Structure formats: structure tokens, C-alpha cells
């Protein structure tokens, strides 16, 4: 990010972080070329995962209630 901002030279950035300035230049070039594609895809959990999670938690609750009822009826 510092290389893109341009506040320091590539040599200064390389010395600060112990990386060769040519590598910093390659990273800068690659980021500038691919910057548009980085944010194209959506991130985060998928809505279907929440639906499955809610369904499973509901089933866990129902099974727990059945287990508690069976324990009460059997005298455990």
C-alpha cells in the first residue's frame, strides 16, 4: 500500500521491510493491474448457509425438548 501511495520510494520501502525493491515494484504493478478484480466477487457467508444453520438449530432444540420430556417421563 505504501508503494501505491507513493510517499516513499521503492528502495525506502524495501529497506524498511527487508524486501528487495524489485519485489516491491512487482507487487505494486500486480496490484494496480488486478485492483478492479479484487472487489468483483461478493464475500461473506452465503444466504443458503444461514437457512441451513437455522434449520439445524431448530432441529437441535426440538430434539433437546424431546430428550428432556423422555427423561422426565422415565424418571431419570
PDB file of N, CA and C in Angstrom:
ATOM      1  N   UNK A   1       0.829  -1.186   0.000  1.00  0.00           N
ATOM      2  CA  UNK A   1       0.000   0.000   0.000  1.00  0.00           C
ATOM      3  C   UNK A   1       0.877   1.256   0.000  1.00  0.00           C
ATOM      4  N   UNK A   2       1.979   1.188   0.704  1.00  0.00           N
ATOM      5  CA  UNK A   2       2.870   2.345   0.742  1.00  0.00           C
ATOM      6  C   UNK A   2       3.448   2.639  -0.636  1.00  0.00           C
ATOM      7  N   UNK A   3       3.728   1.607  -1.396  1.00  0.00           N
ATOM      8  CA  UNK A   3       4.271   1.803  -2.741  1.00  0.00           C
ATOM      9  C   UNK A   3       3.237   2.478  -3.637  1.00  0.00           C
ATOM     10  N   UNK A   4       1.988   2.129  -3.473  1.00  0.00           N
ATOM     11  CA  UNK A   4       0.936   2.720  -4.292  1.00  0.00           C
ATOM     12  C   UNK A   4       0.708   4.179  -3.893  1.00  0.00           C
ATOM     13  N   UNK A   5       0.768   4.453  -2.603  1.00  0.00           N
ATOM     14  CA  UNK A   5       0.579   5.829  -2.145  1.00  0.00           C
ATOM     15  C   UNK A   5       1.668   6.750  -2.681  1.00  0.00           C
ATOM     16  N   UNK A   6       2.868   6.221  -2.826  1.00  0.00           N
ATOM     17  CA  UNK A   6       3.961   6.997  -3.402  1.00  0.00           C
ATOM     18  C   UNK A   6       4.631   7.958  -2.439  1.00  0.00           C
ATOM     19  N   UNK A   7       4.408   7.794  -1.153  1.00  0.00           N
ATOM     20  CA  UNK A   7       5.043   8.674  -0.178  1.00  0.00           C
ATOM     21  C   UNK A   7       6.512   8.332   0.032  1.00  0.00           C
ATOM     22  N   UNK A   8       6.864   7.073  -0.218  1.00  0.00           N
ATOM     23  CA  UNK A   8       8.240   6.611  -0.079  1.00  0.00           C
ATOM     24  C   UNK A   8       8.666   5.971  -1.392  1.00  0.00           C
ATOM     25  N   UNK A   9       9.961   5.930  -1.620  1.00  0.00           N
ATOM     26  CA  UNK A   9      10.467   5.254  -2.814  1.00  0.00           C
ATOM     27  C   UNK A   9      10.440   3.753  -2.585  1.00  0.00           C
ATOM     28  N   UNK A  10      10.553   3.018  -3.668  1.00  0.00           N
ATOM     29  CA  UNK A  10      10.578   1.559  -3.553  1.00  0.00           C
ATOM     30  C   UNK A  10      11.791   1.106  -2.756  1.00  0.00           C
ATOM     31  N   UNK A  11      12.911   1.819  -2.883  1.00  0.00           N
ATOM     32  CA  UNK A  11      14.113   1.483  -2.113  1.00  0.00           C
ATOM     33  C   UNK A  11      13.870   1.671  -0.620  1.00  0.00           C
ATOM     34  N   UNK A  12      13.225   2.754  -0.249  1.00  0.00           N
ATOM     35  CA  UNK A  12      12.947   3.008   1.168  1.00  0.00           C
ATOM     36  C   UNK A  12      12.017   1.949   1.748  1.00  0.00           C
ATOM     37  N   UNK A  13      11.004   1.589   0.991  1.00  0.00           N
ATOM     38  CA  UNK A  13      10.059   0.556   1.445  1.00  0.00           C
ATOM     39  C   UNK A  13      10.768  -0.787   1.575  1.00  0.00           C
ATOM     40  N   UNK A  14      11.602  -1.117   0.599  1.00  0.00           N
ATOM     41  CA  UNK A  14      12.348  -2.373   0.648  1.00  0.00           C
ATOM     42  C   UNK A  14      13.271  -2.442   1.844  1.00  0.00           C
ATOM     43  N   UNK A  15      13.951  -1.359   2.147  1.00  0.00           N
ATOM     44  CA  UNK A  15      14.843  -1.332   3.309  1.00  0.00           C
ATOM     45  C   UNK A  15      14.061  -1.447   4.606  1.00  0.00           C
ATOM     46  N   UNK A  16      12.920  -0.767   4.684  1.00  0.00           N
ATOM     47  CA  UNK A  16      12.122  -0.782   5.906  1.00  0.00           C
ATOM     48  C   UNK A  16      11.619  -2.181   6.233  1.00  0.00           C
ATOM     49  N   UNK A  17      11.179  -2.928   5.227  1.00  0.00           N
ATOM     50  CA  UNK A  17      10.579  -4.238   5.457  1.00  0.00           C
ATOM     51  C   UNK A  17      11.500  -5.407   5.113  1.00  0.00           C
ATOM     52  N   UNK A  18      12.713  -5.132   4.691  1.00  0.00           N
ATOM     53  CA  UNK A  18      13.652  -6.199   4.383  1.00  0.00           C
ATOM     54  C   UNK A  18      13.296  -6.963   3.118  1.00  0.00           C
ATOM     55  N   UNK A  19      12.753  -6.259   2.135  1.00  0.00           N
ATOM     56  CA  UNK A  19      12.349  -6.868   0.871  1.00  0.00           C
ATOM     57  C   UNK A  19      13.089  -6.136  -0.241  1.00  0.00           C
ATOM     58  N   UNK A  20      13.487  -6.867  -1.261  1.00  0.00           N
ATOM     59  CA  UNK A  20      14.195  -6.242  -2.371  1.00  0.00           C
ATOM     60  C   UNK A  20      13.265  -5.260  -3.090  1.00  0.00           C
ATOM     61  N   UNK A  21      13.756  -4.087  -3.455  1.00  0.00           N
ATOM     62  CA  UNK A  21      12.919  -3.090  -4.125  1.00  0.00           C
ATOM     63  C   UNK A  21      12.269  -3.580  -5.421  1.00  0.00           C
ATOM     64  N   UNK A  22      12.921  -4.488  -6.123  1.00  0.00           N
ATOM     65  CA  UNK A  22      12.334  -5.035  -7.356  1.00  0.00           C
ATOM     66  C   UNK A  22      11.060  -5.825  -7.021  1.00  0.00           C
ATOM     67  N   UNK A  23      11.088  -6.559  -5.910  1.00  0.00           N
ATOM     68  CA  UNK A  23       9.914  -7.332  -5.487  1.00  0.00           C
ATOM     69  C   UNK A  23       8.772  -6.381  -5.145  1.00  0.00           C
ATOM     70  N   UNK A  24       9.102  -5.309  -4.437  1.00  0.00           N
ATOM     71  CA  UNK A  24       8.072  -4.318  -4.096  1.00  0.00           C
ATOM     72  C   UNK A  24       7.473  -3.738  -5.377  1.00  0.00           C
ATOM     73  N   UNK A  25       8.302  -3.475  -6.362  1.00  0.00           N
ATOM     74  CA  UNK A  25       7.820  -2.971  -7.645  1.00  0.00           C
ATOM     75  C   UNK A  25       6.898  -3.943  -8.351  1.00  0.00           C
ATOM     76  N   UNK A  26       7.241  -5.238  -8.288  1.00  0.00           N
ATOM     77  CA  UNK A  26       6.387  -6.265  -8.903  1.00  0.00           C
ATOM     78  C   UNK A  26       5.040  -6.331  -8.196  1.00  0.00           C
ATOM     79  N   UNK A  27       5.052  -6.261  -6.861  1.00  0.00           N
ATOM     80  CA  UNK A  27       3.803  -6.298  -6.101  1.00  0.00           C
ATOM     81  C   UNK A  27       2.932  -5.096  -6.447  1.00  0.00           C
ATOM     82  N   UNK A  28       3.546  -3.931  -6.540  1.00  0.00           N
ATOM     83  CA  UNK A  28       2.810  -2.716  -6.875  1.00  0.00           C
ATOM     84  C   UNK A  28       2.173  -2.844  -8.255  1.00  0.00           C
ATOM     85  N   UNK A  29       2.951  -3.299  -9.228  1.00  0.00           N
ATOM     86  CA  UNK A  29       2.454  -3.441 -10.592  1.00  0.00           C
ATOM     87  C   UNK A  29       1.298  -4.440 -10.642  1.00  0.00           C
ATOM     88  N   UNK A  30       1.459  -5.571  -9.962  1.00  0.00           N
ATOM     89  CA  UNK A  30       0.420  -6.600  -9.971  1.00  0.00           C
ATOM     90  C   UNK A  30      -0.858  -6.098  -9.315  1.00  0.00           C
ATOM     91  N   UNK A  31      -0.722  -5.395  -8.209  1.00  0.00           N
ATOM     92  CA  UNK A  31      -1.907  -4.869  -7.541  1.00  0.00           C
ATOM     93  C   UNK A  31      -2.636  -3.852  -8.413  1.00  0.00           C
ATOM     94  N   UNK A  32      -1.890  -2.975  -9.054  1.00  0.00           N
ATOM     95  CA  UNK A  32      -2.521  -1.983  -9.912  1.00  0.00           C
ATOM     96  C   UNK A  32      -3.227  -2.629 -11.103  1.00  0.00           C
ATOM     97  N   UNK A  33      -2.658  -3.712 -11.626  1.00  0.00           N
ATOM     98  CA  UNK A  33      -3.274  -4.404 -12.757  1.00  0.00           C
ATOM     99  C   UNK A  33      -4.534  -5.155 -12.348  1.00  0.00           C
ATOM    100  N   UNK A  34      -4.539  -5.713 -11.148  1.00  0.00           N
ATOM    101  CA  UNK A  34      -5.654  -6.554 -10.712  1.00  0.00           C
ATOM    102  C   UNK A  34      -6.587  -5.876  -9.716  1.00  0.00           C
ATOM    103  N   UNK A  35      -6.424  -4.607  -9.464  1.00  0.00           N
ATOM    104  CA  UNK A  35      -7.218  -3.912  -8.445  1.00  0.00           C
ATOM    105  C   UNK A  35      -8.715  -3.999  -8.724  1.00  0.00           C
ATOM    106  N   UNK A  36      -9.095  -3.925  -9.965  1.00  0.00           N
ATOM    107  CA  UNK A  36     -10.523  -3.961 -10.305  1.00  0.00           C
ATOM    108  C   UNK A  36     -11.145  -5.324 -10.017  1.00  0.00           C
ATOM    109  N   UNK A  37     -10.382  -6.388 -10.182  1.00  0.00           N
ATOM    110  CA  UNK A  37     -10.944  -7.732  -9.993  1.00  0.00           C
ATOM    111  C   UNK A  37     -10.966  -8.166  -8.541  1.00  0.00           C
ATOM    112  N   UNK A  38     -10.231  -7.483  -7.681  1.00  0.00           N
ATOM    113  CA  UNK A  38     -10.174  -7.888  -6.274  1.00  0.00           C
ATOM    114  C   UNK A  38     -11.544  -7.787  -5.623  1.00  0.00           C
ATOM    115  N   UNK A  39     -12.295  -6.745  -5.947  1.00  0.00           N
ATOM    116  CA  UNK A  39     -13.559  -6.485  -5.271  1.00  0.00           C
ATOM    117  C   UNK A  39     -14.780  -6.884  -6.084  1.00  0.00           C
ATOM    118  N   UNK A  40     -14.587  -7.635  -7.168  1.00  0.00           N
ATOM    119  CA  UNK A  40     -15.715  -8.037  -8.000  1.00  0.00           C
ATOM    120  C   UNK A  40     -16.628  -9.038  -7.308  1.00  0.00           C
ATOM    121  N   UNK A  41     -16.074 -10.075  -6.729  1.00  0.00           N
ATOM    122  CA  UNK A  41     -16.879 -11.119  -6.120  1.00  0.00           C
ATOM    123  C   UNK A  41     -17.414 -10.708  -4.765  1.00  0.00           C
ATOM    124  N   UNK A  42     -18.573 -11.225  -4.435  1.00  0.00           N
ATOM    125  CA  UNK A  42     -19.141 -10.949  -3.119  1.00  0.00           C
ATOM    126  C   UNK A  42     -18.434 -11.814  -2.093  1.00  0.00           C
ATOM    127  N   UNK A  43     -18.305 -11.275  -0.924  1.00  0.00           N
ATOM    128  CA  UNK A  43     -17.656 -12.012   0.158  1.00  0.00           C
ATOM    129  C   UNK A  43     -18.643 -12.197   1.293  1.00  0.00           C
ATOM    130  N   UNK A  44     -18.283 -13.066   2.205  1.00  0.00           N
ATOM    131  CA  UNK A  44     -19.125 -13.281   3.371  1.00  0.00           C
ATOM    132  C   UNK A  44     -19.911 -14.575   3.232  1.00  0.00           C
ATOM    133  N   UNK A  45     -20.638 -14.918   4.267  1.00  0.00           N
ATOM    134  CA  UNK A  45     -21.403 -16.160   4.237  1.00  0.00           C
ATOM    135  C   UNK A  45     -22.544 -16.091   3.231  1.00  0.00           C
ATOM    136  N   UNK A  46     -22.830 -17.215   2.666  1.00  0.00           N
ATOM    137  CA  UNK A  46     -23.898 -17.295   1.680  1.00  0.00           C
ATOM    138  C   UNK A  46     -25.242 -17.385   2.409  1.00  0.00           C
ATOM    139  N   UNK A  47     -26.284 -16.800   1.839  1.00  0.00           N
ATOM    140  CA  UNK A  47     -27.597 -16.841   2.490  1.00  0.00           C
ATOM    141  C   UNK A  47     -28.102 -18.255   2.720  1.00  0.00           C
ATOM    142  N   UNK A  48     -27.807 -19.179   1.821  1.00  0.00           N
ATOM    143  CA  UNK A  48     -28.258 -20.565   1.986  1.00  0.00           C
ATOM    144  C   UNK A  48     -27.650 -21.184   3.232  1.00  0.00           C
ATOM    145  N   UNK A  49     -26.437 -20.791   3.586  1.00  0.00           N
ATOM    146  CA  UNK A  49     -25.787 -21.342   4.770  1.00  0.00           C
ATOM    147  C   UNK A  49     -26.552 -20.941   6.022  1.00  0.00           C
ATOM    148  N   UNK A  50     -27.085 -19.717   6.045  1.00  0.00           N
ATOM    149  CA  UNK A  50     -27.854 -19.275   7.210  1.00  0.00           C
ATOM    150  C   UNK A  50     -29.154 -20.057   7.334  1.00  0.00           C
ATOM    151  N   UNK A  51     -29.777 -20.352   6.215  1.00  0.00           N
ATOM    152  CA  UNK A  51     -31.021 -21.107   6.236  1.00  0.00           C
ATOM    153  C   UNK A  51     -30.768 -22.507   6.782  1.00  0.00           C
ATOM    154  N   UNK A  52     -29.698 -23.142   6.337  1.00  0.00           N
ATOM    155  CA  UNK A  52     -29.357 -24.469   6.841  1.00  0.00           C
ATOM    156  C   UNK A  52     -29.026 -24.412   8.328  1.00  0.00           C
ATOM    157  N   UNK A  53     -28.298 -23.377   8.722  1.00  0.00           N
ATOM    158  CA  UNK A  53     -27.913 -23.228  10.126  1.00  0.00           C
ATOM    159  C   UNK A  53     -29.154 -23.058  10.993  1.00  0.00           C
ATOM    160  N   UNK A  54     -30.090 -22.223  10.580  1.00  0.00           N
ATOM    161  CA  UNK A  54     -31.319 -22.010  11.344  1.00  0.00           C
ATOM    162  C   UNK A  54     -32.127 -23.303  11.439  1.00  0.00           C
ATOM    163  N   UNK A  55     -32.201 -24.034  10.337  1.00  0.00           N
ATOM    164  CA  UNK A  55     -32.941 -25.297  10.340  1.00  0.00           C
ATOM    165  C   UNK A  55     -32.313 -26.294  11.306  1.00  0.00           C
ATOM    166  N   UNK A  56     -30.976 -26.358  11.301  1.00  0.00           N
ATOM    167  CA  UNK A  56     -30.291 -27.306  12.185  1.00  0.00           C
ATOM    168  C   UNK A  56     -30.444 -26.913  13.655  1.00  0.00           C
ATOM    169  N   UNK A  57     -30.346 -25.618  13.948  1.00  0.00           N
ATOM    170  CA  UNK A  57     -30.547 -25.189  15.339  1.00  0.00           C
ATOM    171  C   UNK A  57     -31.981 -25.473  15.794  1.00  0.00           C
ATOM    172  N   UNK A  58     -32.940 -25.318  14.896  1.00  0.00           N
ATOM    173  CA  UNK A  58     -34.321 -25.648  15.228  1.00  0.00           C
ATOM    174  C   UNK A  58     -34.482 -27.126  15.537  1.00  0.00           C
ATOM    175  N   UNK A  59     -33.832 -27.953  14.741  1.00  0.00           N
ATOM    176  CA  UNK A  59     -33.916 -29.401  14.973  1.00  0.00           C
ATOM    177  C   UNK A  59     -33.228 -29.778  16.277  1.00  0.00           C
ATOM    178  N   UNK A  60     -32.112 -29.151  16.592  1.00  0.00           N
ATOM    179  CA  UNK A  60     -31.422 -29.408  17.862  1.00  0.00           C
ATOM    180  C   UNK A  60     -32.335 -29.060  19.030  1.00  0.00           C
ATOM    181  N   UNK A  61     -33.002 -27.919  18.938  1.00  0.00           N
ATOM    182  CA  UNK A  61     -33.930 -27.515  20.006  1.00  0.00           C
ATOM    183  C   UNK A  61     -35.064 -28.497  20.174  1.00  0.00           C
ATOM    184  N   UNK A  62     -35.640 -28.945  19.050  1.00  0.00           N
ATOM    185  CA  UNK A  62     -36.737 -29.906  19.115  1.00  0.00           C
ATOM    186  C   UNK A  62     -36.278 -31.222  19.735  1.00  0.00           C
ATOM    187  N   UNK A  63     -35.111 -31.716  19.328  1.00  0.00           N
ATOM    188  CA  UNK A  63     -34.596 -32.971  19.867  1.00  0.00           C
ATOM    189  C   UNK A  63     -34.267 -32.847  21.357  1.00  0.00           C
ATOM    190  N   UNK A  64     -33.765 -31.694  21.778  1.00  0.00           N
ATOM    191  CA  UNK A  64     -33.464 -31.469  23.194  1.00  0.00           C
ATOM    192  C   UNK A  64     -34.756 -31.501  24.018  1.00  0.00           C
ATOM    193  N   UNK A  65     -35.809 -30.865  23.479  1.00  0.00           N
ATOM    194  CA  UNK A  65     -37.089 -30.888  24.195  1.00  0.00           C
ATOM    195  C   UNK A  65     -37.625 -32.315  24.301  1.00  0.00           C
ATOM    196  N   UNK A  66     -37.514 -33.100  23.231  1.00  0.00           N
ATOM    197  CA  UNK A  66     -37.969 -34.484  23.269  1.00  0.00           C
ATOM    198  C   UNK A  66     -37.164 -35.292  24.277  1.00  0.00           C
ATOM    199  N   UNK A  67     -35.848 -35.073  24.312  1.00  0.00           N
ATOM    200  CA  UNK A  67     -34.996 -35.787  25.251  1.00  0.00           C
ATOM    201  C   UNK A  67     -35.354 -35.429  26.688  1.00  0.00           C
ATOM    202  N   UNK A  68     -35.555 -34.141  26.945  1.00  0.00           N
ATOM    203  CA  UNK A  68     -35.945 -33.719  28.295  1.00  0.00           C
ATOM    204  C   UNK A  68     -37.284 -34.331  28.699  1.00  0.00           C
ATOM    205  N   UNK A  69     -38.243 -34.390  27.753  1.00  0.00           N
ATOM    206  CA  UNK A  69     -39.545 -34.966  28.035  1.00  0.00           C
ATOM    207  C   UNK A  69     -39.421 -36.461  28.356  1.00  0.00           C
ATOM    208  N   UNK A  70     -38.582 -37.162  27.558  1.00  0.00           N
ATOM    209  CA  UNK A  70     -38.383 -38.591  27.805  1.00  0.00           C
ATOM    210  C   UNK A  70     -37.696 -38.849  29.136  1.00  0.00           C
ATOM    211  N   UNK A  71     -36.730 -38.014  29.494  1.00  0.00           N
ATOM    212  CA  UNK A  71     -36.071 -38.157  30.798  1.00  0.00           C
ATOM    213  C   UNK A  71     -37.071 -37.947  31.930  1.00  0.00           C
ATOM    214  N   UNK A  72     -37.948 -36.957  31.778  1.00  0.00           N
ATOM    215  CA  UNK A  72     -38.936 -36.661  32.812  1.00  0.00           C
ATOM    216  C   UNK A  72     -39.920 -37.823  32.954  1.00  0.00           C
ATOM    217  N   UNK A  73     -40.384 -38.361  31.825  1.00  0.00           N
ATOM    218  CA  UNK A  73     -41.346 -39.454  31.866  1.00  0.00           C
ATOM    219  C   UNK A  73     -40.740 -40.752  32.387  1.00  0.00           C
ATOM    220  N   UNK A  74     -39.462 -40.972  32.131  1.00  0.00           N
ATOM    221  CA  UNK A  74     -38.845 -42.226  32.564  1.00  0.00           C
ATOM    222  C   UNK A  74     -38.337 -42.143  34.001  1.00  0.00           C
ATOM    223  N   UNK A  75     -38.293 -40.928  34.563  1.00  0.00           N
ATOM    224  CA  UNK A  75     -37.881 -40.768  35.946  1.00  0.00           C
ATOM    225  C   UNK A  75     -36.378 -40.619  36.133  1.00  0.00           C
ATOM    226  N   UNK A  76     -35.643 -40.288  35.086  1.00  0.00           N
ATOM    227  CA  UNK A  76     -34.177 -40.091  35.194  1.00  0.00           C
ATOM    228  C   UNK A  76     -33.842 -38.717  35.671  1.00  0.00           C
TER     229      UNK A  76
END
